[in-house]
Amino acid sequence: MELKSLKLYIWSYRNEGAFHEAVTNQILDDLVAATKPRFMRLTAKFYVRGGIFTNVVAEHRKKGWKAQPLVDLTQFAAESNTRG
């Protein structure tokens, strides 16, 4: 997906009168339809007037998809610091 196209698409919501959750879910639905991923997580950060901000997180998981086990890389950072 081209970055400029994505930017223009997101900007198209700038003057929409909609709830943040609805906009986030619509963007996720459109991105899933365009890219057909196995997994997608969208974090939308809204900074509105009045000093209020909202983070909305929405996820798509293809049926049957399972995440791989988390690999903890912090142990390697600790080892590299002791070799110095």
Protein backbone atom coordinates (compact mmCIF):
# COMPACT_ATOMS: atom_id res chain seq x y z
CA MET A 1 0.00 0.00 0.00
CA GLU A 2 1.43 3.35 -1.00
CA LEU A 3 2.06 5.68 1.95
CA LYS A 4 0.68 8.77 0.20
CA SER A 5 -2.55 6.95 -0.68
CA LEU A 6 -2.91 5.82 2.94
CA LYS A 7 -2.28 9.37 4.18
CA LEU A 8 -4.90 10.84 1.83
CA TYR A 9 -7.38 8.14 2.80
CA ILE A 10 -6.91 8.87 6.52
CA TRP A 11 -7.17 12.61 5.89
CA SER A 12 -10.56 12.01 4.25
CA TYR A 13 -11.90 11.39 7.77
CA ARG A 14 -10.63 14.74 9.05
CA ASN A 15 -13.96 16.60 8.77
CA GLU A 16 -16.24 13.60 9.32
CA GLY A 17 -18.63 13.83 12.22
CA ALA A 18 -18.20 10.32 13.63
CA PHE A 19 -17.21 8.58 16.84
CA HIS A 20 -13.54 7.69 17.16
CA GLU A 21 -14.35 4.02 17.62
CA ALA A 22 -16.50 3.94 14.46
CA VAL A 23 -13.81 5.64 12.39
CA THR A 24 -11.13 3.27 13.69
CA ASN A 25 -13.23 0.19 12.91
CA GLN A 26 -14.07 1.49 9.41
CA ILE A 27 -10.40 2.17 8.64
CA LEU A 28 -9.46 -1.31 9.90
CA ASP A 29 -12.22 -2.92 7.80
CA ASP A 30 -11.06 -1.06 4.69
CA LEU A 31 -7.39 -1.95 5.26
CA VAL A 32 -8.27 -5.61 5.82
CA ALA A 33 -10.34 -5.66 2.62
CA ALA A 34 -7.48 -4.08 0.66
CA THR A 35 -4.61 -6.18 2.02
CA LYS A 36 -6.18 -9.43 3.30
CA PRO A 37 -3.77 -9.91 6.23
CA ARG A 38 -3.77 -12.81 8.67
CA PHE A 39 -3.50 -10.34 11.54
CA MET A 40 -3.71 -6.57 11.78
CA ARG A 41 -3.75 -4.26 14.77
CA LEU A 42 -4.69 -0.62 14.27
CA THR A 43 -3.98 1.95 16.96
CA ALA A 44 -5.67 5.26 16.27
CA LYS A 45 -4.59 8.29 18.28
CA PHE A 46 -6.98 11.20 18.29
CA TYR A 47 -5.93 14.62 19.58
CA VAL A 48 -8.99 16.84 19.69
CA ARG A 49 -9.67 20.33 20.96
CA GLY A 50 -9.87 20.92 24.67
CA GLY A 51 -6.80 18.89 25.59
CA ILE A 52 -8.59 15.54 25.35
CA PHE A 53 -6.95 12.66 23.58
CA THR A 54 -8.16 9.17 22.88
CA ASN A 55 -6.40 5.97 21.83
CA VAL A 56 -8.54 3.35 20.10
CA VAL A 57 -7.11 -0.10 19.35
CA ALA A 58 -8.85 -2.50 16.96
CA GLU A 59 -7.66 -5.90 15.74
CA HIS A 60 -8.42 -8.28 12.91
CA ARG A 61 -7.51 -11.97 13.10
CA LYS A 62 -8.07 -14.37 10.24
CA LYS A 63 -10.02 -17.42 11.36
CA GLY A 64 -7.62 -20.04 12.65
CA TRP A 65 -4.67 -17.64 12.93
CA LYS A 66 -2.53 -18.02 16.04
CA ALA A 67 0.27 -15.75 17.13
CA GLN A 68 3.78 -17.13 17.34
CA PRO A 69 5.27 -17.33 20.84
CA LEU A 70 6.87 -14.10 22.02
CA VAL A 71 10.66 -14.06 21.74
CA ASP A 72 12.28 -12.19 24.62
CA LEU A 73 15.33 -10.38 23.27
CA THR A 74 16.19 -8.53 26.47
CA GLN A 75 18.52 -11.35 27.51
CA PHE A 76 20.77 -10.57 24.52
CA ALA A 77 20.98 -6.89 25.47
CA ALA A 78 22.15 -7.87 28.96
CA GLU A 79 24.77 -10.26 27.54
CA SER A 80 26.19 -7.66 25.13
CA ASN A 81 26.62 -5.17 28.00
CA THR A 82 28.81 -7.62 29.95
CA ARG A 83 31.17 -8.30 27.01
CA GLY A 84 32.34 -4.66 26.78
